[in-house]
Amino acid sequence: MANKSLSMQKLRQILLFLKRGYSERSIVKQTGISRQTVHQYARLFLETGSDYNTLLTLSDHQLHSIIEGNKPEKEQVRDTRKSQFLDQIDYFILELKRVGVTRQLLWQEYLEAHPSGFQYSRFCELLDIETGRRKPSMHFSHNPAELMEIDFAGSKLHYVDKKSGEIIECPVLIGVLPFSGYAYVEALDNASLPQVIKGLNNMLNYLGGVPLNAISDNMRQWVSKSCRYEPTFPQMLEQWSIHNHIGLLATRPGFPKDKPSVENQVLITYRRVYALIRNTTFHSRTELNNAILQKLEEHHRQNFQKKTYSRYQLFNSEEKPLLQPLPQTPYELRHYTRGKVHKNYYVVVGEDWHFYSVPSTYVGKEVQIVYDSDCVEIYHRQERIALHKRSFKKHAYTTEWEHMPENHKRIAEQKGWNPEYYLRKASENGVFTREFFDKLMQSKITIHQAYGPCLGILRLITEYGPARVESACKRALMGSKYNYGVVKTILKNNMDLIVELTELPSQIPAHTNIRGADFYKTI
């Protein structure tokens, strides 16, 4: 008898023909069923002890039960093996979760208990079937423009550096709109969060709009603290989402099927992009991404299987019009750091080692510093307390007059306490004085520490005169210390005058031992 049972429709056909007195050969011609199968079912009907009319009045379930109960012994043996397997299926699934337990090991244990049991391939097949039944896949219905799923491809792409010949690997960021299947793929320099943000900006530009939400798994670039119900996202990513009016979502930890569309898109990318460019050598990331987008466009314009339209058509007709508009300017990458306000009411941006002032009332407070390529913002408890134009000059200071306390303002007004004032006074005295002042300011942790020494040196001009102070600064520049005491010591010990003497050309005094040039002419 065939391994697969006949459908109830075919079985009732055989039963009806038998009732009408057709021979088995005639039934084969009428139904197309093999003669052996017709013969075996005719025998099963006869063995039930009921006439054909009675059998035809039974329900499908009743008729099936009678036939199963009268199957040949060979079929019963087969069912016995399966029932033995199913009796242990819960045990198999549970054991597979234990460390070191494999299917091979479970099959060997199964054969020891049931020597006539299934072979390994059939054992694994049935195990897959039963496991799949216990973990059914859920169908997700997606609304247009509602969600964008994001992930990294497991395999990287690469290009070859022309100068060094080095193979540069690039992680590949993938995003897809589940409703239309419209996707974006880009090879990044690296997988850091700043590069992900840059890739997300390019993704939105490619789509020409912004979906309501974006979801990814719990990768470190997306989630800073995992939680099944309320994950925490990196601050930079949250700033990007606020700028673009897009909600951030994360899959449940350990549940990648919460974003099935992008999981499938990774496989599509391997087949429609990776495979088609595998034999091409690229010499820059730009070349690589141009090739990726070309293959991606071709993929978008191919019709869905068994459908008359493509992803491109579906996206442009039903999804793109519902996307939120892009912001007027793309999100600019911002850096976040924390610091403590120094006693001189400055904070430092360590990347540039540049100091920025804050209101003096915040001395000793913990603040957050947010900066990009143009400006530096300083916050205290979510309130912005200072805004400066970013400066890349190392060991320099940017000061707002309003940030100074009143007594400092008065002193500054009286004594001109600012770097420009002292550098201007030093320049008036000479180039070496100006250079010494500049090195003195750079050697101090804060600029205010340099004001006192600068003022002292300017007063030395009154005591010793401009020329001697200029010479003293020139001599002091030969050393490695830049302070008031060095210049004062040089002047007090008249060392600046020694510098002047050593600069004069040395002359040998006249005496009788000097032959002169004429002596050599006579030889």
Protein backbone atom coordinates (compact mmCIF):
# COMPACT_ATOMS: atom_id res chain seq x y z
CA MET A 1 0.00 0.00 0.00
CA ALA A 2 1.21 3.52 -0.73
CA ASN A 3 2.84 5.40 2.11
CA LYS A 4 0.50 8.33 1.69
CA SER A 5 -3.17 7.74 2.44
CA LEU A 6 -5.72 8.61 -0.22
CA SER A 7 -7.88 11.68 0.21
CA MET A 8 -11.42 11.06 1.45
CA GLN A 9 -12.74 12.18 -1.93
CA LYS A 10 -10.77 9.46 -3.77
CA LEU A 11 -11.61 6.91 -1.09
CA ARG A 12 -15.35 7.57 -1.48
CA GLN A 13 -15.00 7.32 -5.26
CA ILE A 14 -13.57 3.82 -4.91
CA LEU A 15 -16.35 2.95 -2.45
CA LEU A 16 -19.05 4.25 -4.82
CA PHE A 17 -17.70 2.31 -7.82
CA LEU A 18 -17.51 -0.86 -5.74
CA LYS A 19 -21.14 -0.38 -4.70
CA ARG A 20 -22.13 -0.07 -8.37
CA GLY A 21 -20.36 -3.34 -9.19
CA TYR A 22 -17.37 -1.98 -11.11
CA SER A 23 -14.36 -4.26 -11.35
CA GLU A 24 -11.05 -3.16 -9.88
CA ARG A 25 -9.59 -2.80 -13.38
CA SER A 26 -12.46 -0.48 -14.37
CA ILE A 27 -12.05 1.58 -11.18
CA VAL A 28 -8.33 2.06 -12.05
CA LYS A 29 -9.30 3.44 -15.48
CA GLN A 30 -11.97 5.74 -14.04
CA THR A 31 -9.97 7.16 -11.12
CA GLY A 32 -6.31 6.88 -12.20
CA ILE A 33 -5.43 5.19 -8.89
CA SER A 34 -3.01 2.26 -9.04
CA ARG A 35 -4.56 -1.20 -9.10
CA GLN A 36 -2.65 -2.29 -6.01
CA THR A 37 -4.10 0.63 -3.99
CA VAL A 38 -7.64 -0.06 -5.28
CA HIS A 39 -7.26 -3.74 -4.39
CA GLN A 40 -6.00 -3.02 -0.87
CA TYR A 41 -8.78 -0.52 -0.10
CA ALA A 42 -11.39 -2.93 -1.47
CA ARG A 43 -10.05 -5.53 0.95
CA LEU A 44 -10.12 -3.01 3.85
CA PHE A 45 -13.76 -2.17 3.11
CA LEU A 46 -14.62 -5.88 3.06
CA GLU A 47 -12.83 -6.49 6.37
CA THR A 48 -14.95 -3.87 8.15
CA GLY A 49 -17.97 -6.21 7.97
CA SER A 50 -20.23 -3.38 6.78
CA ASP A 51 -21.90 -3.08 3.37
CA TYR A 52 -21.03 -0.29 0.96
CA ASN A 53 -24.22 1.69 1.64
CA THR A 54 -23.46 1.79 5.38
CA LEU A 55 -19.87 2.87 4.75
CA LEU A 56 -21.01 5.70 2.44
CA THR A 57 -23.27 7.10 5.17
CA LEU A 58 -20.38 7.40 7.66
CA SER A 59 -18.68 10.75 8.27
CA ASP A 60 -15.13 11.30 7.04
CA HIS A 61 -13.78 10.92 10.56
CA GLN A 62 -15.66 7.64 11.17
CA LEU A 63 -14.64 6.20 7.82
CA HIS A 64 -11.01 7.17 8.42
CA SER A 65 -11.02 5.51 11.86
CA ILE A 66 -12.33 2.24 10.44
CA ILE A 67 -9.76 2.21 7.63
CA GLU A 68 -6.88 3.00 10.03
CA GLY A 69 -7.95 0.22 12.34
CA ASN A 70 -7.87 -2.28 9.49
CA LYS A 71 -4.51 -1.29 7.98
CA PRO A 72 -2.02 -4.04 7.20
CA GLU A 73 0.38 -5.08 9.94
CA LYS A 74 3.25 -3.37 8.12
CA GLU A 75 1.46 -0.04 8.39
CA GLN A 76 0.70 -0.67 12.06
CA VAL A 77 4.38 -1.31 12.71
CA ARG A 78 5.21 2.00 11.07
CA ASP A 79 2.69 3.79 13.28
CA THR A 80 4.07 2.04 16.34
CA ARG A 81 7.56 3.43 15.64
CA LYS A 82 6.18 6.92 15.23
CA SER A 83 4.15 6.70 18.40
CA GLN A 84 7.27 5.56 20.26
CA PHE A 85 9.11 8.59 18.87
CA LEU A 86 6.30 11.00 19.76
CA ASP A 87 6.17 9.64 23.29
CA GLN A 88 9.72 10.89 23.75
CA ILE A 89 9.58 14.13 21.75
CA ASP A 90 9.21 16.37 24.82
CA TYR A 91 12.26 14.69 26.35
CA PHE A 92 14.29 15.18 23.14
CA ILE A 93 13.45 18.90 22.89
CA LEU A 94 14.26 19.49 26.55
CA GLU A 95 17.55 17.58 26.39
CA LEU A 96 18.73 19.52 23.32
CA LYS A 97 18.78 22.68 25.45
CA ARG A 98 21.40 21.17 27.74
CA VAL A 99 25.08 21.87 27.18
CA GLY A 100 26.82 19.28 25.02
CA VAL A 101 23.71 17.31 24.05
CA THR A 102 23.45 16.69 20.29
CA ARG A 103 20.92 15.05 18.00
CA GLN A 104 23.40 12.28 17.30
CA LEU A 105 23.62 11.45 21.00
CA LEU A 106 19.83 11.44 21.44
CA TRP A 107 19.39 9.22 18.39
CA GLN A 108 21.89 6.70 19.75
CA GLU A 109 20.03 6.61 23.07
CA TYR A 110 16.73 6.24 21.16
CA LEU A 111 18.05 3.25 19.19
CA GLU A 112 19.24 1.54 22.38
CA ALA A 113 15.67 1.66 23.68
CA HIS A 114 14.05 0.93 20.28
CA PRO A 115 16.43 -1.09 18.05
CA SER A 116 13.88 -1.16 15.20
CA GLY A 117 13.37 2.60 15.37
CA PHE A 118 13.95 5.27 12.73
CA GLN A 119 17.30 5.88 11.10
CA TYR A 120 19.18 9.11 11.87
CA SER A 121 17.94 11.14 8.87
CA ARG A 122 14.27 10.30 9.56
CA PHE A 123 14.82 10.90 13.29
CA CYS A 124 16.11 14.45 12.56
CA GLU A 125 13.32 15.09 10.05
CA LEU A 126 10.60 14.21 12.56
CA LEU A 127 12.42 16.20 15.26
CA ASP A 128 12.41 19.31 13.02
CA ILE A 129 8.71 18.85 12.25
CA GLU A 130 7.72 18.53 15.90
CA THR A 131 9.98 21.39 17.00
CA GLY A 132 8.44 23.62 14.35
CA ARG A 133 4.94 22.77 15.56
CA ARG A 134 5.85 23.85 19.07
CA LYS A 135 7.31 27.17 17.82
CA PRO A 136 4.98 28.44 15.13
CA SER A 137 5.96 31.60 13.27
CA MET A 138 3.64 34.54 13.67
CA HIS A 139 2.48 36.47 10.64
CA PHE A 140 2.99 40.23 11.01
CA SER A 141 0.70 42.64 9.20
CA HIS A 142 2.46 45.93 8.48
CA ASN A 143 0.97 49.32 7.76
CA PRO A 144 2.69 51.55 5.20
CA ALA A 145 5.24 54.08 6.54
CA GLU A 146 4.84 52.75 10.07
CA LEU A 147 8.08 50.86 10.66
CA MET A 148 11.67 50.57 9.46
CA GLU A 149 13.69 47.50 10.51
CA ILE A 150 17.47 47.84 10.84
CA ASP A 151 20.31 45.35 11.23
CA PHE A 152 23.90 44.56 10.23
CA ALA A 153 24.64 41.81 7.73
CA GLY A 154 26.59 38.95 9.26
CA SER A 155 29.17 38.99 6.44
CA LYS A 156 31.23 42.05 5.54
CA LEU A 157 32.17 43.49 2.15
CA HIS A 158 35.60 44.91 1.31
CA TYR A 159 37.63 47.08 -1.02
CA VAL A 160 41.36 47.21 -1.82
CA ASP A 161 43.39 50.31 -0.94
CA LYS A 162 45.25 51.41 -4.07
CA LYS A 163 48.29 52.79 -2.26
CA SER A 164 48.95 50.04 0.26
CA GLY A 165 47.17 47.10 -1.35
CA GLU A 166 45.47 46.44 1.99
CA ILE A 167 42.05 44.78 2.01
CA ILE A 168 39.68 47.03 3.99
CA GLU A 169 36.66 45.24 5.42
CA CYS A 170 33.40 47.16 5.78
CA PRO A 171 30.42 46.22 7.97
CA VAL A 172 27.16 46.45 6.02
CA LEU A 173 24.13 48.29 7.43
CA ILE A 174 20.71 47.20 6.12
CA GLY A 175 17.32 48.83 6.58
CA VAL A 176 13.96 47.79 5.12
CA LEU A 177 10.34 48.98 5.17
CA PRO A 178 8.37 45.76 5.90
CA PHE A 179 5.21 46.89 4.11
CA SER A 180 6.78 47.33 0.67
CA GLY A 181 10.08 45.48 1.10
CA TYR A 182 11.89 48.62 -0.08
CA ALA A 183 15.40 48.50 1.39
CA TYR A 184 18.65 50.41 1.80
CA VAL A 185 22.13 48.88 2.04
CA GLU A 186 25.41 50.69 2.80
CA ALA A 187 28.96 49.61 3.58
CA LEU A 188 30.33 51.64 6.52
CA ASP A 189 33.88 52.46 7.59
CA ASN A 190 33.23 50.72 10.90
CA ALA A 191 30.34 49.67 13.13
CA SER A 192 30.64 52.52 15.65
CA LEU A 193 27.59 54.55 16.61
CA PRO A 194 28.74 57.71 14.75
CA GLN A 195 29.02 55.66 11.56
CA VAL A 196 25.60 54.09 12.20
CA ILE A 197 24.09 57.57 12.61
CA LYS A 198 25.69 58.65 9.34
CA GLY A 199 24.30 55.55 7.63
CA LEU A 200 20.83 56.19 9.06
CA ASN A 201 20.89 59.74 7.68
CA ASN A 202 21.75 58.35 4.25
CA MET A 203 18.99 55.75 4.64
CA LEU A 204 16.32 58.40 5.24
CA ASN A 205 17.60 60.48 2.32
CA TYR A 206 17.37 57.40 0.08
CA LEU A 207 13.78 56.75 1.16
CA GLY A 208 12.90 60.43 0.73
CA GLY A 209 10.98 60.51 4.01
CA VAL A 210 10.82 59.32 7.60
CA PRO A 211 8.78 56.33 8.91
CA LEU A 212 7.06 56.57 12.28
CA ASN A 213 9.30 54.03 14.03
CA ALA A 214 12.64 52.25 13.68
CA ILE A 215 13.44 48.89 15.29
CA SER A 216 16.62 46.88 15.69
CA ASP A 217 17.91 44.19 18.00
CA ASN A 218 19.87 44.78 21.19
CA MET A 219 23.21 45.46 19.50
CA ARG A 220 25.42 47.87 21.47
CA GLN A 221 25.03 50.65 18.88
CA TRP A 222 21.25 50.59 19.33
CA VAL A 223 20.60 49.71 22.98
CA SER A 224 22.75 50.87 25.89
CA LYS A 225 20.74 48.94 28.50
CA SER A 226 18.57 45.97 27.57
CA CYS A 227 15.09 45.58 28.99
CA ARG A 228 12.19 43.52 27.68
CA TYR A 229 9.71 46.33 28.35
CA GLU A 230 11.63 49.62 28.34
CA PRO A 231 15.15 49.50 26.84
CA THR A 232 17.55 52.42 27.19
CA PHE A 233 18.98 53.87 23.99
CA PRO A 234 22.30 55.74 23.58
CA GLN A 235 21.89 59.48 23.98
CA MET A 236 23.30 60.19 20.54
CA LEU A 237 20.74 57.85 18.96
CA GLU A 238 17.92 59.49 20.92
CA GLN A 239 19.03 62.91 19.67
CA TRP A 240 18.91 61.55 16.12
CA SER A 241 15.39 60.18 16.66
CA ILE A 242 14.13 63.46 18.14
CA HIS A 243 15.62 65.44 15.27
CA ASN A 244 13.87 63.20 12.71
CA HIS A 245 10.63 62.63 14.71
CA ILE A 246 11.06 58.87 14.62
CA GLY A 247 10.31 56.50 17.49
CA LEU A 248 12.98 54.05 18.66
CA LEU A 249 12.02 50.42 19.32
CA ALA A 250 14.05 47.34 20.22
CA THR A 251 13.33 43.64 19.89
CA ARG A 252 13.02 41.49 22.96
CA PRO A 253 16.45 40.25 24.04
CA GLY A 254 17.14 36.98 22.24
CA PHE A 255 14.18 37.29 19.83
CA PRO A 256 15.57 38.28 16.39
CA LYS A 257 12.28 37.17 14.79
CA ASP A 258 10.71 40.34 16.20
CA LYS A 259 12.19 41.95 13.07
CA PRO A 260 11.69 39.21 10.47
CA SER A 261 11.65 41.50 7.44
CA VAL A 262 15.22 42.70 7.87
CA GLU A 263 16.36 39.16 8.72
CA ASN A 264 14.94 38.11 5.35
CA GLN A 265 16.41 41.21 3.70
CA VAL A 266 19.89 40.14 4.81
CA LEU A 267 19.43 36.88 2.88
CA ILE A 268 18.09 38.79 -0.13
CA THR A 269 21.11 41.12 0.01
CA TYR A 270 23.47 38.15 -0.05
CA ARG A 271 21.75 36.81 -3.18
CA ARG A 272 20.91 40.01 -5.04
CA VAL A 273 23.96 42.13 -4.10
CA TYR A 274 26.85 40.17 -2.58
CA ALA A 275 26.70 37.35 -5.13
CA LEU A 276 26.54 39.70 -8.12
CA ILE A 277 29.54 41.85 -7.14
CA ARG A 278 31.69 39.07 -5.67
CA ASN A 279 34.16 39.05 -8.61
CA THR A 280 34.55 42.84 -8.84
CA THR A 281 37.48 44.60 -7.20
CA PHE A 282 36.70 48.00 -5.67
CA HIS A 283 39.29 50.59 -4.64
CA SER A 284 37.22 52.80 -2.36
CA ARG A 285 34.15 52.63 -0.18
CA THR A 286 32.42 55.05 -2.55
CA GLU A 287 32.91 52.66 -5.48
CA LEU A 288 31.63 49.80 -3.35
CA ASN A 289 28.48 51.64 -2.26
CA ASN A 290 27.73 52.79 -5.80
CA ALA A 291 27.78 49.16 -6.94
CA ILE A 292 25.59 48.14 -4.00
CA LEU A 293 22.95 50.76 -4.82
CA GLN A 294 22.96 49.78 -8.50
CA LYS A 295 22.21 46.13 -7.67
CA LEU A 296 19.68 47.21 -5.07
CA GLU A 297 17.80 49.30 -7.63
CA GLU A 298 17.67 46.31 -9.98
CA HIS A 299 16.28 44.20 -7.15
CA HIS A 300 13.62 46.79 -6.30
CA ARG A 301 12.37 46.90 -9.89
CA GLN A 302 11.94 43.13 -10.20
CA ASN A 303 8.37 41.95 -9.67
CA PHE A 304 7.51 40.01 -6.54
CA GLN A 305 7.19 36.27 -7.14
CA LYS A 306 3.72 35.43 -8.48
CA LYS A 307 2.78 39.14 -8.50
CA THR A 308 2.52 41.73 -11.24
CA TYR A 309 4.19 44.60 -9.42
CA SER A 310 7.59 45.36 -7.87
CA ARG A 311 8.83 46.73 -4.57
CA TYR A 312 9.62 49.99 -6.31
CA GLN A 313 6.04 50.36 -7.56
CA LEU A 314 4.51 49.40 -4.21
CA PHE A 315 6.76 51.79 -2.30
CA ASN A 316 6.17 54.78 -4.55
CA SER A 317 2.43 54.27 -4.92
CA GLU A 318 1.37 53.34 -1.38
CA GLU A 319 4.17 53.96 1.14
CA LYS A 320 6.28 56.95 0.16
CA PRO A 321 3.34 59.42 0.17
CA LEU A 322 2.66 58.48 3.82
CA LEU A 323 6.22 58.97 5.07
CA GLN A 324 6.91 61.98 7.29
CA PRO A 325 8.85 64.75 5.52
CA LEU A 326 12.60 64.90 6.00
CA PRO A 327 13.84 67.62 8.39
CA GLN A 328 15.12 70.80 6.74
CA THR A 329 18.69 69.90 7.69
CA PRO A 330 20.06 66.39 8.36
CA TYR A 331 20.99 65.48 11.90
CA GLU A 332 24.54 66.59 12.62
CA LEU A 333 26.59 64.27 14.70
CA ARG A 334 26.99 65.59 18.22
CA HIS A 335 29.40 64.52 20.91
CA TYR A 336 28.50 64.19 24.58
CA THR A 337 30.78 64.32 27.58
CA ARG A 338 30.64 65.29 31.21
CA GLY A 339 32.89 67.59 33.20
CA LYS A 340 33.28 69.61 36.36
CA VAL A 341 33.43 73.40 36.37
CA HIS A 342 36.88 74.51 37.53
CA LYS A 343 37.43 77.19 40.15
CA ASN A 344 38.13 79.67 37.38
CA TYR A 345 34.59 78.89 36.01
CA TYR A 346 35.84 77.09 32.88
CA VAL A 347 35.22 73.60 31.51
CA VAL A 348 37.49 71.83 29.07
CA VAL A 349 36.65 69.95 25.87
CA GLY A 350 39.27 67.25 26.06
CA GLU A 351 39.25 66.48 22.34
CA ASP A 352 40.64 69.97 21.58
CA TRP A 353 41.98 70.79 25.06
CA HIS A 354 40.19 74.12 24.80
CA PHE A 355 38.56 75.89 27.75
CA TYR A 356 35.09 77.47 27.70
CA SER A 357 33.58 79.71 30.36
CA VAL A 358 30.31 79.16 32.22
CA PRO A 359 28.57 81.47 34.73
CA SER A 360 30.74 81.66 37.85
CA THR A 361 27.82 80.51 40.05
CA TYR A 362 28.32 76.96 38.67
CA VAL A 363 31.86 76.52 40.03
CA GLY A 364 32.27 72.92 41.24
CA LYS A 365 29.09 71.69 39.53
CA GLU A 366 28.88 68.63 37.29
CA VAL A 367 27.82 69.65 33.78
CA GLN A 368 27.16 67.98 30.46
CA ILE A 369 29.03 69.24 27.41
CA VAL A 370 27.43 68.80 23.98
CA TYR A 371 29.43 69.84 20.93
CA ASP A 372 29.59 69.46 17.18
CA SER A 373 31.80 70.98 14.49
CA ASP A 374 30.32 74.47 14.98
CA CYS A 375 29.33 75.09 18.58
CA VAL A 376 29.72 73.96 22.17
CA GLU A 377 26.73 73.80 24.52
CA ILE A 378 27.03 73.33 28.27
CA TYR A 379 24.08 72.00 30.31
CA HIS A 380 23.38 71.71 34.00
CA ARG A 381 20.40 69.55 34.91
CA GLN A 382 19.00 69.72 31.38
CA GLU A 383 19.23 73.54 31.33
CA ARG A 384 21.65 75.17 28.93
CA ILE A 385 23.93 77.55 30.83
CA ALA A 386 26.47 78.44 28.12
CA LEU A 387 26.78 78.48 24.34
CA HIS A 388 30.10 79.09 22.55
CA LYS A 389 31.40 78.90 19.03
CA ARG A 390 33.73 75.94 18.89
CA SER A 391 37.45 76.71 18.81
CA PHE A 392 40.11 74.16 17.89
CA LYS A 393 43.00 76.12 19.39
CA LYS A 394 44.67 73.97 22.03
CA HIS A 395 45.26 75.34 25.55
CA ALA A 396 43.32 78.47 24.71
CA TYR A 397 40.30 80.04 26.42
CA THR A 398 36.94 81.26 25.18
CA THR A 399 35.30 83.65 27.64
CA GLU A 400 31.93 85.36 27.84
CA TRP A 401 32.03 88.65 29.76
CA GLU A 402 28.70 87.89 31.44
CA HIS A 403 30.12 84.70 32.98
CA MET A 404 32.68 86.59 35.11
CA PRO A 405 31.84 87.54 38.72
CA GLU A 406 31.54 91.26 39.40
CA ASN A 407 34.91 91.65 41.12
CA HIS A 408 36.66 89.92 38.21
CA LYS A 409 34.93 92.25 35.78
CA ARG A 410 36.20 95.28 37.67
CA ILE A 411 39.75 93.92 37.82
CA ALA A 412 39.63 93.07 34.16
CA GLU A 413 38.45 96.59 33.33
CA GLN A 414 41.21 98.14 35.43
CA LYS A 415 44.09 95.91 34.46
CA GLY A 416 43.03 94.66 31.10
CA TRP A 417 43.05 91.04 32.19
CA ASN A 418 42.65 89.19 28.94
CA PRO A 419 45.20 87.41 26.73
CA GLU A 420 44.92 89.86 23.87
CA TYR A 421 45.79 92.81 26.11
CA TYR A 422 49.03 91.30 27.42
CA LEU A 423 50.09 89.95 24.04
CA ARG A 424 49.57 93.38 22.52
CA LYS A 425 51.68 95.04 25.26
CA ALA A 426 54.39 92.41 24.79
CA SER A 427 54.43 93.00 21.03
CA GLU A 428 54.94 96.72 21.64
CA ASN A 429 58.09 95.90 23.60
CA GLY A 430 59.56 93.45 21.06
CA VAL A 431 59.23 90.13 19.25
CA PHE A 432 61.06 88.14 21.95
CA THR A 433 58.87 89.61 24.69
CA ARG A 434 55.79 88.64 22.63
CA GLU A 435 57.07 85.10 22.09
CA PHE A 436 57.92 84.70 25.80
CA PHE A 437 54.43 85.87 26.83
CA ASP A 438 52.85 83.39 24.44
CA LYS A 439 54.86 80.44 25.82
CA LEU A 440 54.17 81.59 29.38
CA MET A 441 50.40 81.52 28.74
CA GLN A 442 50.57 78.09 27.15
CA SER A 443 52.50 76.68 30.11
CA LYS A 444 49.73 77.49 32.60
CA ILE A 445 46.75 75.27 33.34
CA THR A 446 44.41 78.30 33.26
CA ILE A 447 44.95 81.63 31.56
CA HIS A 448 44.38 83.51 34.80
CA GLN A 449 47.56 81.98 36.19
CA ALA A 450 49.49 83.80 33.47
CA TYR A 451 48.09 87.29 34.13
CA GLY A 452 50.16 87.93 37.28
CA PRO A 453 53.55 86.95 35.74
CA CYS A 454 52.75 88.96 32.59
CA LEU A 455 51.89 92.02 34.66
CA GLY A 456 55.14 91.64 36.64
CA ILE A 457 57.24 91.47 33.46
CA LEU A 458 55.55 94.59 32.08
CA ARG A 459 56.46 96.44 35.26
CA LEU A 460 60.09 95.34 34.84
CA ILE A 461 60.10 97.45 31.66
CA THR A 462 59.62 100.53 33.81
CA GLU A 463 62.45 99.48 36.14
CA TYR A 464 65.05 98.18 33.64
CA GLY A 465 63.90 99.65 30.33
CA PRO A 466 62.38 98.06 27.21
CA ALA A 467 65.68 97.02 25.62
CA ARG A 468 66.94 95.06 28.62
CA VAL A 469 63.59 93.30 29.13
CA GLU A 470 63.60 92.35 25.43
CA SER A 471 67.13 90.94 25.81
CA ALA A 472 66.16 89.13 29.01
CA CYS A 473 63.18 87.51 27.26
CA LYS A 474 65.45 86.49 24.39
CA ARG A 475 67.81 84.78 26.81
CA ALA A 476 64.92 83.22 28.76
CA LEU A 477 63.59 81.61 25.57
CA MET A 478 66.76 79.50 25.46
CA GLY A 479 65.51 77.66 28.57
CA SER A 480 62.48 75.50 29.29
CA LYS A 481 60.84 77.53 32.08
CA TYR A 482 58.56 80.47 31.31
CA ASN A 483 57.71 82.63 34.29
CA TYR A 484 58.30 86.03 35.90
CA GLY A 485 61.11 84.76 38.13
CA VAL A 486 63.29 83.71 35.16
CA VAL A 487 63.17 87.18 33.59
CA LYS A 488 63.67 88.90 36.96
CA THR A 489 66.78 86.77 37.74
CA ILE A 490 68.34 87.48 34.32
CA LEU A 491 67.89 91.23 34.78
CA LYS A 492 69.05 91.26 38.40
CA ASN A 493 72.29 89.39 37.55
CA ASN A 494 72.88 91.39 34.36
CA MET A 495 72.78 88.18 32.35
CA ASP A 496 70.96 89.97 29.56
CA LEU A 497 74.11 92.08 29.03
CA ILE A 498 76.24 88.97 28.71
CA VAL A 499 73.98 87.83 25.91
CA GLU A 500 74.69 91.05 24.08
CA LEU A 501 78.47 90.62 24.50
CA THR A 502 78.51 87.06 23.27
CA GLU A 503 76.77 88.16 20.13
CA LEU A 504 79.73 90.46 19.13
CA PRO A 505 82.22 88.86 16.68
CA SER A 506 85.38 87.68 18.49
CA GLN A 507 88.63 89.48 17.56
CA ILE A 508 92.18 88.17 18.09
CA PRO A 509 94.44 90.93 19.49
CA ALA A 510 97.44 91.92 17.32
CA HIS A 511 100.83 90.38 18.27
CA THR A 512 104.16 89.42 16.60
CA ASN A 513 103.27 85.75 16.10
CA ILE A 514 100.72 86.55 13.41
CA ARG A 515 102.29 86.00 10.00
CA GLY A 516 99.51 87.50 7.92
CA ALA A 517 98.41 86.67 4.37
CA ASP A 518 101.57 88.04 2.76
CA PHE A 519 103.71 85.41 4.50
CA TYR A 520 102.06 82.62 2.51
CA LYS A 521 102.48 84.44 -0.80
CA THR A 522 106.30 84.26 -0.49
CA ILE A 523 106.36 80.51 -0.17
